[in-house]
Every structure is written in C-alpha cells, then in structure tokens.
C-alpha atoms as a PDB file:
ATOM      1  CA  UNK A   1      -4.237  32.455  32.382  1.00  0.00           C
ATOM      2  CA  UNK A   2      -7.174  30.156  31.242  1.00  0.00           C
ATOM      3  CA  UNK A   3      -5.009  27.740  29.623  1.00  0.00           C
ATOM      4  CA  UNK A   4      -2.736  27.496  32.613  1.00  0.00           C
ATOM      5  CA  UNK A   5      -5.890  26.787  35.125  1.00  0.00           C
ATOM      6  CA  UNK A   6      -7.086  24.475  32.672  1.00  0.00           C
ATOM      7  CA  UNK A   7      -3.484  22.339  32.756  1.00  0.00           C
ATOM      8  CA  UNK A   8      -3.462  22.864  36.736  1.00  0.00           C
ATOM      9  CA  UNK A   9      -7.185  21.331  36.944  1.00  0.00           C
ATOM     10  CA  UNK A  10      -6.518  18.416  34.391  1.00  0.00           C
ATOM     11  CA  UNK A  11      -3.086  17.306  36.241  1.00  0.00           C
ATOM     12  CA  UNK A  12      -5.290  17.578  39.910  1.00  0.00           C
ATOM     13  CA  UNK A  13      -8.257  15.914  38.628  1.00  0.00           C
ATOM     14  CA  UNK A  14      -6.205  12.866  36.679  1.00  0.00           C
ATOM     15  CA  UNK A  15      -5.586  10.897  39.949  1.00  0.00           C
ATOM     16  CA  UNK A  16      -9.185  10.255  40.584  1.00  0.00           C
ATOM     17  CA  UNK A  17      -9.540   8.418  37.482  1.00  0.00           C
ATOM     18  CA  UNK A  18      -6.002   6.982  37.406  1.00  0.00           C
ATOM     19  CA  UNK A  19      -6.535   5.220  40.818  1.00  0.00           C
ATOM     20  CA  UNK A  20      -9.863   3.870  40.103  1.00  0.00           C
ATOM     21  CA  UNK A  21      -7.880   2.364  37.050  1.00  0.00           C
ATOM     22  CA  UNK A  22      -5.246   0.850  38.680  1.00  0.00           C
ATOM     23  CA  UNK A  23      -7.505  -0.776  41.045  1.00  0.00           C
ATOM     24  CA  UNK A  24      -9.689  -2.342  38.325  1.00  0.00           C
ATOM     25  CA  UNK A  25      -6.255  -3.453  36.677  1.00  0.00           C
ATOM     26  CA  UNK A  26      -5.097  -5.054  39.827  1.00  0.00           C
ATOM     27  CA  UNK A  27      -8.380  -6.980  40.060  1.00  0.00           C
ATOM     28  CA  UNK A  28      -7.123  -9.039  36.875  1.00  0.00           C
ATOM     29  CA  UNK A  29      -3.634  -9.313  37.407  1.00  0.00           C
ATOM     30  CA  UNK A  30      -1.645 -11.893  39.628  1.00  0.00           C
ATOM     31  CA  UNK A  31      -1.278 -10.815  43.081  1.00  0.00           C
ATOM     32  CA  UNK A  32       2.871  -9.775  42.431  1.00  0.00           C
ATOM     33  CA  UNK A  33       1.857  -7.886  39.410  1.00  0.00           C
ATOM     34  CA  UNK A  34      -0.534  -5.774  40.814  1.00  0.00           C
ATOM     35  CA  UNK A  35       1.428  -4.865  43.710  1.00  0.00           C
ATOM     36  CA  UNK A  36       3.932  -3.434  41.068  1.00  0.00           C
ATOM     37  CA  UNK A  37       1.220  -1.921  39.254  1.00  0.00           C
ATOM     38  CA  UNK A  38      -0.568  -0.147  42.282  1.00  0.00           C
ATOM     39  CA  UNK A  39       2.639   0.891  43.267  1.00  0.00           C
ATOM     40  CA  UNK A  40       3.762   2.332  39.729  1.00  0.00           C
ATOM     41  CA  UNK A  41       0.833   4.340  39.229  1.00  0.00           C
ATOM     42  CA  UNK A  42       0.910   5.890  42.733  1.00  0.00           C
ATOM     43  CA  UNK A  43       4.274   6.961  42.172  1.00  0.00           C
ATOM     44  CA  UNK A  44       3.323   8.593  38.681  1.00  0.00           C
ATOM     45  CA  UNK A  45      -0.149  10.105  39.548  1.00  0.00           C
ATOM     46  CA  UNK A  46       1.730  11.514  42.773  1.00  0.00           C
ATOM     47  CA  UNK A  47       4.556  12.946  40.470  1.00  0.00           C
ATOM     48  CA  UNK A  48       2.033  14.565  38.207  1.00  0.00           C
ATOM     49  CA  UNK A  49       0.590  16.378  41.065  1.00  0.00           C
ATOM     50  CA  UNK A  50       3.919  17.631  42.613  1.00  0.00           C
ATOM     51  CA  UNK A  51       4.643  18.661  38.765  1.00  0.00           C
ATOM     52  CA  UNK A  52       1.580  20.651  38.289  1.00  0.00           C
ATOM     53  CA  UNK A  53       1.917  22.392  42.104  1.00  0.00           C
ATOM     54  CA  UNK A  54       5.687  23.334  41.286  1.00  0.00           C
ATOM     55  CA  UNK A  55       4.673  24.644  38.342  1.00  0.00           C
ATOM     56  CA  UNK A  56       2.049  27.349  39.221  1.00  0.00           C
ATOM     57  CA  UNK A  57       4.777  28.354  42.147  1.00  0.00           C
ATOM     58  CA  UNK A  58       7.331  28.708  39.531  1.00  0.00           C
ATOM     59  CA  UNK A  59       5.520  31.972  38.025  1.00  0.00           C
ATOM     60  CA  UNK A  60       6.787  34.185  40.240  1.00  0.00           C
ATOM     61  CA  UNK A  61      10.044  32.894  40.800  1.00  0.00           C
ATOM     62  CA  UNK A  62      10.555  32.712  36.923  1.00  0.00           C
ATOM     63  CA  UNK A  63       9.118  36.447  36.324  1.00  0.00           C
ATOM     64  CA  UNK A  64      11.665  37.440  39.052  1.00  0.00           C
ATOM     65  CA  UNK A  65      14.607  35.818  37.063  1.00  0.00           C
ATOM     66  CA  UNK A  66      13.550  37.279  34.078  1.00  0.00           C
ATOM     67  CA  UNK A  67      13.567  40.769  35.686  1.00  0.00           C
ATOM     68  CA  UNK A  68      10.156  41.272  35.285  1.00  0.00           C
ATOM     69  CA  UNK A  69       8.256  43.916  37.415  1.00  0.00           C
ATOM     70  CA  UNK A  70       5.558  42.150  39.153  1.00  0.00           C
ATOM     71  CA  UNK A  71       3.309  44.831  38.253  1.00  0.00           C
ATOM     72  CA  UNK A  72       3.719  43.939  34.765  1.00  0.00           C
ATOM     73  CA  UNK A  73       3.029  40.073  35.196  1.00  0.00           C
ATOM     74  CA  UNK A  74      -0.096  40.796  37.267  1.00  0.00           C
ATOM     75  CA  UNK A  75      -1.817  42.937  34.625  1.00  0.00           C
ATOM     76  CA  UNK A  76      -0.987  39.872  32.228  1.00  0.00           C
ATOM     77  CA  UNK A  77      -1.971  37.100  35.044  1.00  0.00           C
ATOM     78  CA  UNK A  78      -4.007  38.680  37.991  1.00  0.00           C
ATOM     79  CA  UNK A  79      -4.032  35.451  39.567  1.00  0.00           C
ATOM     80  CA  UNK A  80      -0.528  34.679  39.055  1.00  0.00           C
ATOM     81  CA  UNK A  81       0.853  35.391  42.551  1.00  0.00           C
ATOM     82  CA  UNK A  82      -2.486  33.751  44.367  1.00  0.00           C
ATOM     83  CA  UNK A  83      -2.164  31.088  42.623  1.00  0.00           C
ATOM     84  CA  UNK A  84       1.534  30.423  43.063  1.00  0.00           C
ATOM     85  CA  UNK A  85       0.968  31.211  46.835  1.00  0.00           C
ATOM     86  CA  UNK A  86      -1.534  28.658  46.946  1.00  0.00           C
ATOM     87  CA  UNK A  87       0.378  26.160  45.509  1.00  0.00           C
ATOM     88  CA  UNK A  88       3.207  27.116  47.433  1.00  0.00           C
ATOM     89  CA  UNK A  89       1.039  26.335  50.758  1.00  0.00           C
ATOM     90  CA  UNK A  90       0.445  22.852  49.447  1.00  0.00           C
ATOM     91  CA  UNK A  91       3.356  21.954  48.677  1.00  0.00           C
ATOM     92  CA  UNK A  92       4.781  22.911  52.041  1.00  0.00           C
ATOM     93  CA  UNK A  93       1.898  21.204  53.755  1.00  0.00           C
ATOM     94  CA  UNK A  94       2.628  17.995  51.548  1.00  0.00           C
ATOM     95  CA  UNK A  95       6.381  18.174  52.170  1.00  0.00           C
ATOM     96  CA  UNK A  96       5.360  18.359  56.482  1.00  0.00           C
ATOM     97  CA  UNK A  97       2.862  15.811  56.201  1.00  0.00           C
ATOM     98  CA  UNK A  98       5.406  13.652  54.432  1.00  0.00           C
ATOM     99  CA  UNK A  99       8.384  14.277  56.900  1.00  0.00           C
ATOM    100  CA  UNK A 100       5.635  13.342  59.770  1.00  0.00           C
ATOM    101  CA  UNK A 101       4.662  10.315  57.699  1.00  0.00           C
ATOM    102  CA  UNK A 102       8.364   9.192  57.252  1.00  0.00           C
ATOM    103  CA  UNK A 103       9.189   9.748  60.931  1.00  0.00           C
ATOM    104  CA  UNK A 104       5.723   7.589  62.082  1.00  0.00           C
ATOM    105  CA  UNK A 105       7.289   4.659  59.789  1.00  0.00           C
ATOM    106  CA  UNK A 106      10.476   4.953  61.652  1.00  0.00           C
ATOM    107  CA  UNK A 107       9.013   5.206  64.906  1.00  0.00           C
ATOM    108  CA  UNK A 108       6.765   2.406  64.321  1.00  0.00           C
ATOM    109  CA  UNK A 109       9.528   0.117  63.135  1.00  0.00           C
ATOM    110  CA  UNK A 110      11.701   1.132  66.061  1.00  0.00           C
ATOM    111  CA  UNK A 111       8.844   0.176  68.640  1.00  0.00           C
ATOM    112  CA  UNK A 112       8.319  -2.704  66.786  1.00  0.00           C
ATOM    113  CA  UNK A 113      11.825  -4.028  67.290  1.00  0.00           C
ATOM    114  CA  UNK A 114      11.971  -2.911  70.732  1.00  0.00           C
ATOM    115  CA  UNK A 115       9.012  -5.431  71.385  1.00  0.00           C
ATOM    116  CA  UNK A 116      10.337  -8.060  70.002  1.00  0.00           C
ATOM    117  CA  UNK A 117      13.696  -7.870  72.115  1.00  0.00           C
ATOM    118  CA  UNK A 118      11.786 -10.150  74.501  1.00  0.00           C
ATOM    119  CA  UNK A 119      11.472 -13.042  71.626  1.00  0.00           C
ATOM    120  CA  UNK A 120      14.044 -16.041  71.799  1.00  0.00           C
ATOM    121  CA  UNK A 121      14.748 -17.991  68.193  1.00  0.00           C
ATOM    122  CA  UNK A 122      16.971 -19.138  65.477  1.00  0.00           C
ATOM    123  CA  UNK A 123      17.753 -17.815  62.247  1.00  0.00           C
ATOM    124  CA  UNK A 124      15.059 -15.199  61.017  1.00  0.00           C
ATOM    125  CA  UNK A 125      12.356 -16.727  63.459  1.00  0.00           C
ATOM    126  CA  UNK A 126      11.823 -14.873  66.969  1.00  0.00           C
ATOM    127  CA  UNK A 127       9.043 -16.374  68.974  1.00  0.00           C
ATOM    128  CA  UNK A 128       7.693 -13.867  71.975  1.00  0.00           C
ATOM    129  CA  UNK A 129       6.308 -15.330  75.160  1.00  0.00           C
ATOM    130  CA  UNK A 130       2.971 -14.560  76.389  1.00  0.00           C
ATOM    131  CA  UNK A 131      -0.754 -15.800  75.762  1.00  0.00           C
ATOM    132  CA  UNK A 132      -1.322 -12.765  73.157  1.00  0.00           C
ATOM    133  CA  UNK A 133      -1.745 -14.162  69.510  1.00  0.00           C
ATOM    134  CA  UNK A 134      -0.320 -12.395  66.990  1.00  0.00           C
ATOM    135  CA  UNK A 135       2.367 -12.748  64.011  1.00  0.00           C
ATOM    136  CA  UNK A 136       4.268 -10.201  61.603  1.00  0.00           C
ATOM    137  CA  UNK A 137       7.197  -9.321  59.279  1.00  0.00           C
ATOM    138  CA  UNK A 138       9.657  -7.093  60.816  1.00  0.00           C
ATOM    139  CA  UNK A 139      11.431  -5.452  58.310  1.00  0.00           C
ATOM    140  CA  UNK A 140      15.306  -4.751  58.847  1.00  0.00           C
ATOM    141  CA  UNK A 141      16.122  -1.764  60.794  1.00  0.00           C
ATOM    142  CA  UNK A 142      19.725  -0.304  61.832  1.00  0.00           C
ATOM    143  CA  UNK A 143      21.793  -3.110  60.454  1.00  0.00           C
ATOM    144  CA  UNK A 144      19.391  -5.657  61.780  1.00  0.00           C
ATOM    145  CA  UNK A 145      18.193  -8.310  59.117  1.00  0.00           C
ATOM    146  CA  UNK A 146      14.363  -8.809  58.821  1.00  0.00           C
ATOM    147  CA  UNK A 147      12.732 -11.320  61.253  1.00  0.00           C
ATOM    148  CA  UNK A 148       9.505 -13.189  61.561  1.00  0.00           C
ATOM    149  CA  UNK A 149       7.962 -12.517  64.992  1.00  0.00           C
ATOM    150  CA  UNK A 150       5.406 -15.064  66.350  1.00  0.00           C
ATOM    151  CA  UNK A 151       3.852 -14.974  69.852  1.00  0.00           C
ATOM    152  CA  UNK A 152       3.710 -18.263  71.798  1.00  0.00           C
ATOM    153  CA  UNK A 153       0.061 -17.870  71.912  1.00  0.00           C
ATOM    154  CA  UNK A 154      -0.313 -18.006  68.081  1.00  0.00           C
ATOM    155  CA  UNK A 155       2.034 -20.770  67.812  1.00  0.00           C
ATOM    156  CA  UNK A 156      -0.170 -23.032  69.961  1.00  0.00           C
ATOM    157  CA  UNK A 157      -3.233 -21.969  68.091  1.00  0.00           C
ATOM    158  CA  UNK A 158      -2.176 -23.365  65.130  1.00  0.00           C
ATOM    159  CA  UNK A 159      -1.608 -27.077  63.811  1.00  0.00           C
ATOM    160  CA  UNK A 160       2.139 -28.078  62.359  1.00  0.00           C
ATOM    161  CA  UNK A 161       1.460 -27.877  59.150  1.00  0.00           C
ATOM    162  CA  UNK A 162      -0.419 -24.563  59.659  1.00  0.00           C
ATOM    163  CA  UNK A 163       2.489 -22.988  61.562  1.00  0.00           C
ATOM    164  CA  UNK A 164       4.580 -23.727  58.567  1.00  0.00           C
ATOM    165  CA  UNK A 165       1.798 -21.808  56.100  1.00  0.00           C
ATOM    166  CA  UNK A 166       2.021 -19.033  58.432  1.00  0.00           C
ATOM    167  CA  UNK A 167       6.254 -18.732  58.580  1.00  0.00           C
ATOM    168  CA  UNK A 168       6.104 -19.147  54.843  1.00  0.00           C
ATOM    169  CA  UNK A 169       3.570 -16.110  54.499  1.00  0.00           C
ATOM    170  CA  UNK A 170       5.658 -13.552  56.773  1.00  0.00           C
ATOM    171  CA  UNK A 171       9.082 -14.578  54.962  1.00  0.00           C
ATOM    172  CA  UNK A 172       7.312 -14.009  51.544  1.00  0.00           C
ATOM    173  CA  UNK A 173       6.909 -10.201  53.243  1.00  0.00           C
ATOM    174  CA  UNK A 174      10.153  -9.892  54.305  1.00  0.00           C
ATOM    175  CA  UNK A 175      11.622 -11.436  50.671  1.00  0.00           C
ATOM    176  CA  UNK A 176       9.240  -9.423  48.542  1.00  0.00           C
ATOM    177  CA  UNK A 177      10.126  -6.318  50.508  1.00  0.00           C
ATOM    178  CA  UNK A 178       6.331  -5.632  50.630  1.00  0.00           C
ATOM    179  CA  UNK A 179       7.184  -3.046  53.395  1.00  0.00           C
ATOM    180  CA  UNK A 180       8.730  -0.851  51.033  1.00  0.00           C
ATOM    181  CA  UNK A 181       5.801  -0.980  48.497  1.00  0.00           C
ATOM    182  CA  UNK A 182       3.496  -0.103  51.444  1.00  0.00           C
ATOM    183  CA  UNK A 183       5.495   2.950  52.338  1.00  0.00           C
ATOM    184  CA  UNK A 184       6.158   3.893  49.067  1.00  0.00           C
ATOM    185  CA  UNK A 185       2.131   4.166  48.385  1.00  0.00           C
ATOM    186  CA  UNK A 186       1.590   5.497  51.880  1.00  0.00           C
ATOM    187  CA  UNK A 187       3.913   8.572  50.962  1.00  0.00           C
ATOM    188  CA  UNK A 188       2.141   8.783  47.727  1.00  0.00           C
ATOM    189  CA  UNK A 189      -1.556   9.175  48.955  1.00  0.00           C
ATOM    190  CA  UNK A 190      -0.537  11.959  51.519  1.00  0.00           C
ATOM    191  CA  UNK A 191       0.485  13.814  48.111  1.00  0.00           C
ATOM    192  CA  UNK A 192      -3.067  13.530  46.635  1.00  0.00           C
ATOM    193  CA  UNK A 193      -6.307  12.129  48.414  1.00  0.00           C
ATOM    194  CA  UNK A 194      -7.158  10.101  45.292  1.00  0.00           C
ATOM    195  CA  UNK A 195      -4.448   7.783  46.140  1.00  0.00           C
ATOM    196  CA  UNK A 196      -5.592   6.979  49.356  1.00  0.00           C
ATOM    197  CA  UNK A 197      -7.682   3.941  47.814  1.00  0.00           C
ATOM    198  CA  UNK A 198      -4.493   2.459  46.288  1.00  0.00           C
ATOM    199  CA  UNK A 199      -3.223   1.779  50.278  1.00  0.00           C
ATOM    200  CA  UNK A 200      -5.974  -0.716  50.983  1.00  0.00           C
ATOM    201  CA  UNK A 201      -5.791  -2.041  47.418  1.00  0.00           C
ATOM    202  CA  UNK A 202      -2.124  -2.452  48.139  1.00  0.00           C
ATOM    203  CA  UNK A 203      -2.573  -4.331  51.370  1.00  0.00           C
ATOM    204  CA  UNK A 204      -5.000  -7.212  50.181  1.00  0.00           C
ATOM    205  CA  UNK A 205      -2.717  -7.659  47.296  1.00  0.00           C
ATOM    206  CA  UNK A 206       0.568  -8.037  49.233  1.00  0.00           C
ATOM    207  CA  UNK A 207      -1.368 -10.393  51.399  1.00  0.00           C
ATOM    208  CA  UNK A 208      -2.284 -12.594  48.336  1.00  0.00           C
ATOM    209  CA  UNK A 209       0.998 -12.334  47.329  1.00  0.00           C
ATOM    210  CA  UNK A 210       2.076 -13.858  50.454  1.00  0.00           C
ATOM    211  CA  UNK A 211      -0.335 -16.458  50.674  1.00  0.00           C
ATOM    212  CA  UNK A 212       0.113 -17.653  46.930  1.00  0.00           C
ATOM    213  CA  UNK A 213       4.047 -18.007  47.983  1.00  0.00           C
ATOM    214  CA  UNK A 214       3.160 -19.780  50.939  1.00  0.00           C
ATOM    215  CA  UNK A 215       0.594 -22.178  49.653  1.00  0.00           C
ATOM    216  CA  UNK A 216       3.803 -22.735  47.260  1.00  0.00           C
ATOM    217  CA  UNK A 217       5.923 -23.406  50.064  1.00  0.00           C
ATOM    218  CA  UNK A 218       4.062 -25.936  51.259  1.00  0.00           C
ATOM    219  CA  UNK A 219       2.126 -27.291  48.323  1.00  0.00           C
ATOM    220  CA  UNK A 220      -1.408 -27.189  49.463  1.00  0.00           C
ATOM    221  CA  UNK A 221      -3.836 -24.666  48.890  1.00  0.00           C
ATOM    222  CA  UNK A 222      -6.506 -25.996  51.369  1.00  0.00           C
ATOM    223  CA  UNK A 223      -3.990 -26.106  54.014  1.00  0.00           C
ATOM    224  CA  UNK A 224      -2.766 -22.598  53.154  1.00  0.00           C
ATOM    225  CA  UNK A 225      -6.727 -21.398  53.646  1.00  0.00           C
ATOM    226  CA  UNK A 226      -7.055 -23.158  56.761  1.00  0.00           C
ATOM    227  CA  UNK A 227      -4.379 -21.998  58.259  1.00  0.00           C
ATOM    228  CA  UNK A 228      -4.946 -18.396  57.257  1.00  0.00           C
ATOM    229  CA  UNK A 229      -8.457 -18.218  58.629  1.00  0.00           C
ATOM    230  CA  UNK A 230      -7.739 -20.167  61.470  1.00  0.00           C
ATOM    231  CA  UNK A 231      -4.467 -17.236  62.437  1.00  0.00           C
ATOM    232  CA  UNK A 232      -7.066 -14.867  61.553  1.00  0.00           C
ATOM    233  CA  UNK A 233      -9.838 -16.216  63.871  1.00  0.00           C
ATOM    234  CA  UNK A 234      -7.291 -16.669  66.688  1.00  0.00           C
ATOM    235  CA  UNK A 235      -5.590 -13.028  66.133  1.00  0.00           C
ATOM    236  CA  UNK A 236      -8.545 -11.363  65.925  1.00  0.00           C
ATOM    237  CA  UNK A 237      -8.594  -7.994  67.987  1.00  0.00           C
ATOM    238  CA  UNK A 238     -10.660  -4.875  67.274  1.00  0.00           C
ATOM    239  CA  UNK A 239      -7.859  -2.631  68.214  1.00  0.00           C
ATOM    240  CA  UNK A 240      -4.628  -3.757  66.527  1.00  0.00           C
ATOM    241  CA  UNK A 241      -3.646  -1.999  63.490  1.00  0.00           C
ATOM    242  CA  UNK A 242      -1.701  -3.395  60.873  1.00  0.00           C
ATOM    243  CA  UNK A 243      -0.079  -2.106  57.664  1.00  0.00           C
ATOM    244  CA  UNK A 244       3.371  -0.482  57.183  1.00  0.00           C
ATOM    245  CA  UNK A 245       5.679  -1.959  58.704  1.00  0.00           C
ATOM    246  CA  UNK A 246       4.425  -5.136  60.196  1.00  0.00           C
ATOM    247  CA  UNK A 247       2.716  -7.046  57.785  1.00  0.00           C
ATOM    248  CA  UNK A 248       0.567  -9.983  58.964  1.00  0.00           C
ATOM    249  CA  UNK A 249      -1.023 -13.295  57.938  1.00  0.00           C
ATOM    250  CA  UNK A 250      -4.048 -11.808  59.738  1.00  0.00           C
ATOM    251  CA  UNK A 251      -4.744  -8.892  58.260  1.00  0.00           C
ATOM    252  CA  UNK A 252      -6.952  -7.733  55.017  1.00  0.00           C
ATOM    253  CA  UNK A 253      -9.827  -9.163  53.944  1.00  0.00           C
ATOM    254  CA  UNK A 254      -9.641 -12.531  55.135  1.00  0.00           C
ATOM    255  CA  UNK A 255     -12.484 -14.301  53.469  1.00  0.00           C
ATOM    256  CA  UNK A 256     -11.610 -13.099  50.170  1.00  0.00           C
ATOM    257  CA  UNK A 257      -8.011 -14.252  50.754  1.00  0.00           C
ATOM    258  CA  UNK A 258      -9.515 -17.727  51.945  1.00  0.00           C
ATOM    259  CA  UNK A 259     -11.755 -17.756  48.832  1.00  0.00           C
ATOM    260  CA  UNK A 260      -8.827 -17.274  46.593  1.00  0.00           C
ATOM    261  CA  UNK A 261      -6.731 -20.030  47.865  1.00  0.00           C
ATOM    262  CA  UNK A 262      -9.319 -22.309  47.743  1.00  0.00           C
ATOM    263  CA  UNK A 263      -9.311 -21.420  43.653  1.00  0.00           C
ATOM    264  CA  UNK A 264      -6.731 -22.497  41.720  1.00  0.00           C
ATOM    265  CA  UNK A 265      -3.108 -20.737  41.679  1.00  0.00           C
ATOM    266  CA  UNK A 266      -3.420 -17.416  39.847  1.00  0.00           C
ATOM    267  CA  UNK A 267      -2.135 -16.837  36.723  1.00  0.00           C
ATOM    268  CA  UNK A 268      -1.526 -14.083  34.178  1.00  0.00           C
ATOM    269  CA  UNK A 269      -4.689 -13.037  32.272  1.00  0.00           C
ATOM    270  CA  UNK A 270      -5.353 -15.778  29.321  1.00  0.00           C
ATOM    271  CA  UNK A 271      -7.850 -15.892  26.668  1.00  0.00           C
ATOM    272  CA  UNK A 272      -8.549 -12.769  24.246  1.00  0.00           C
ATOM    273  CA  UNK A 273     -11.045 -11.159  26.245  1.00  0.00           C
ATOM    274  CA  UNK A 274      -9.116 -11.097  29.468  1.00  0.00           C
ATOM    275  CA  UNK A 275      -6.092 -10.515  27.850  1.00  0.00           C
ATOM    276  CA  UNK A 276      -7.826  -7.378  26.082  1.00  0.00           C
ATOM    277  CA  UNK A 277      -9.329  -6.067  29.061  1.00  0.00           C
ATOM    278  CA  UNK A 278      -5.949  -6.308  31.344  1.00  0.00           C
ATOM    279  CA  UNK A 279      -3.904  -4.835  28.436  1.00  0.00           C
ATOM    280  CA  UNK A 280      -6.773  -1.890  27.993  1.00  0.00           C
ATOM    281  CA  UNK A 281      -6.354  -1.346  31.791  1.00  0.00           C
ATOM    282  CA  UNK A 282      -2.840  -1.214  32.087  1.00  0.00           C
ATOM    283  CA  UNK A 283      -2.917   1.242  28.795  1.00  0.00           C
ATOM    284  CA  UNK A 284      -5.234   3.608  30.338  1.00  0.00           C
ATOM    285  CA  UNK A 285      -3.069   3.829  33.852  1.00  0.00           C
ATOM    286  CA  UNK A 286      -0.147   4.479  31.870  1.00  0.00           C
ATOM    287  CA  UNK A 287      -1.878   7.088  29.657  1.00  0.00           C
ATOM    288  CA  UNK A 288      -3.420   8.910  32.757  1.00  0.00           C
ATOM    289  CA  UNK A 289      -0.124   8.923  34.420  1.00  0.00           C
ATOM    290  CA  UNK A 290       1.732  10.020  31.981  1.00  0.00           C
ATOM    291  CA  UNK A 291      -0.781  12.463  30.708  1.00  0.00           C
ATOM    292  CA  UNK A 292      -0.677  13.958  34.624  1.00  0.00           C
ATOM    293  CA  UNK A 293       3.200  14.197  34.462  1.00  0.00           C
ATOM    294  CA  UNK A 294       2.842  15.984  30.635  1.00  0.00           C
ATOM    295  CA  UNK A 295       0.523  18.300  31.835  1.00  0.00           C
ATOM    296  CA  UNK A 296       3.246  19.411  34.500  1.00  0.00           C
ATOM    297  CA  UNK A 297       5.833  19.557  32.218  1.00  0.00           C
ATOM    298  CA  UNK A 298       3.635  21.469  29.682  1.00  0.00           C
ATOM    299  CA  UNK A 299       2.482  23.993  32.389  1.00  0.00           C
ATOM    300  CA  UNK A 300       6.305  24.976  33.247  1.00  0.00           C
ATOM    301  CA  UNK A 301       7.168  24.937  29.462  1.00  0.00           C
ATOM    302  CA  UNK A 302       3.870  27.373  28.925  1.00  0.00           C
ATOM    303  CA  UNK A 303       5.268  29.455  31.677  1.00  0.00           C
ATOM    304  CA  UNK A 304       8.891  29.744  30.046  1.00  0.00           C
ATOM    305  CA  UNK A 305       7.291  30.913  26.943  1.00  0.00           C
ATOM    306  CA  UNK A 306       5.021  33.419  28.405  1.00  0.00           C
ATOM    307  CA  UNK A 307       7.613  34.949  30.193  1.00  0.00           C
ATOM    308  CA  UNK A 308       9.834  34.979  27.027  1.00  0.00           C
ATOM    309  CA  UNK A 309       7.031  37.059  25.331  1.00  0.00           C
ATOM    310  CA  UNK A 310       6.413  39.652  27.975  1.00  0.00           C
ATOM    311  CA  UNK A 311      10.186  40.234  28.228  1.00  0.00           C
ATOM    312  CA  UNK A 312      10.076  40.582  24.468  1.00  0.00           C
ATOM    313  CA  UNK A 313       7.049  42.745  24.908  1.00  0.00           C
ATOM    314  CA  UNK A 314       8.754  44.950  27.857  1.00  0.00           C
ATOM    315  CA  UNK A 315      11.905  45.125  25.639  1.00  0.00           C
ATOM    316  CA  UNK A 316      10.139  46.654  22.685  1.00  0.00           C
ATOM    317  CA  UNK A 317       8.663  49.605  24.350  1.00  0.00           C
END
C-alpha cells in the first residue's frame, strides 16, 4: 500500500512543479508558442491528476470484478476503501465544478451576445451606441460567427490609426480562437489548484499574441503600443471582468504589453544559451507531464497486478 500512496502523492504533486516550469517556458517563447505550451501543459497535468484519482477509485471495483471478498482486500490494504472513497468524492467534486464552470462559460457567452444585439455594423464589426468605453472579441455562438464588438465611446476615444490597431487586435483573438485556449486552461484549473496560475499566464500571452498580430497588420509597433495604452486608459473600470469568453485589448498587464511592443518583434530563442534554456524548460514540462500520466497508468497496472496476486493466493487456499 505504501507503493500506491507514493504513486498518488507524486502524481498529485507534480502539477505544482509542472505549472511553475510551464510559466518559465512561456516567458522565453514567442507569444503564440507560449500559449500552446501553457495549454498543452495544463491538459497533460490535469490528465495526470484525474488518472491518479481514477486509479485509487478503481481498487474496490477491480476487487469486485475479480470476485475478491472485501474483508480479504482490507486485510491486505486496510486503507483501500477509505482512499477509494476519497478519490471518488474528489472526482465527483471535480465533475460538478467542471459542469458548473462550463455552464458559466455558456451563460457569459449568451449574455454577451444579448448585449451585442443593440449594435450595428458591417461584416465582423458591431458598434454599440453609448458613452461606455469598451471593445472585445465575441466568439461564435449557435451558428452566429464571431464578431468584434466596439462601443461608440471607444471609437471616439481613439484616433483613426489606433482604431485600426484595436480592430486588428480583436480580430486576431477570433482568428487564433484564443477563447478556446482560455476555456481549456480555465477548465483544467478546476481539476488541480496548481494550474490556476496558468490562467493568468495564458491571459497575458494571448493578449501579447493579439498585440503582435495587430502591430504586423498596421506595420507600426509604436502606433500599436500607443493604441493599447490609450484604449486601456479610456476603458479602465475596476468593476469589469475580462477573460473567457470576452478577450479585450484593454485586459492583462498593459504596461508590460506596451513595453514589449516598443521592443523589436519577438522570435524563437536564438543563441546557444537561450536555445538551450528553452529546450531544457520544454523538456522539463513534457517530462513532468508525462511522468504524472505514467504514474497514473502505473497505479492502475499495480492495482491490477495486486488483484491478480490476491486472486491467486485465495485460489491456493
């Protein structure tokens, strides 16, 4: 039983290290690659957690399938049933939280589309009348394609060139399907608390991805930086909530984004030291995630092997 506990503890502890390394890796990668690295790490680490819990839950069920009497199982593994019950409760709680989170996603998206019905425009742009200063990318919903939503107040607060940057930024969110990446990481964070930090990291890097796309579209990084800063100042509101499904140019740590836009366009790590660092971090993330999954699988295999030994032992009496 000690072996089982070690496997479970390792599988549940690895996401803490994996999330920290994934955050470091994202910091040395271009925004697009950083987003995919964070999303992949979140999925793999969450999968390892679920696998470990399912392995524990599997013990009594496997014993019943092998027609092992419960007293015999408890004689060998006294903590088998309590641990299985705890794992079952944890999985049930995760399932409920995932369902609630997904329903919240759908509710927010539905409310956003209802609020955008007052808008007018052409193509993928909707302009909502009013003095409020806001702009966001509205993902596709029930057959309706994604739109860029901008209020009249935001249009008036920006210059012509800055408006082009804003629209290009929001269109980059839609084209890159950033809301799907955000939703995946948001749901993964429900599975394990260590993954919550990846949500903030992903939010920053999706904004950076859209910033770079906008700067490329207008061909002027300084103009893009000015537009992001002006839009954020004009639309600053402490009560607003951003993130999935409403991705906006005014969200995230704006000073860091502006600073990055005033620097040369990012590229893949170059030079021996930076490349080695990026490869080492990437390898560590993959290794930690793979180890979590391998531990979960190993737990399942160990339970089956132990059940076979118990079955053989009982058959020999």
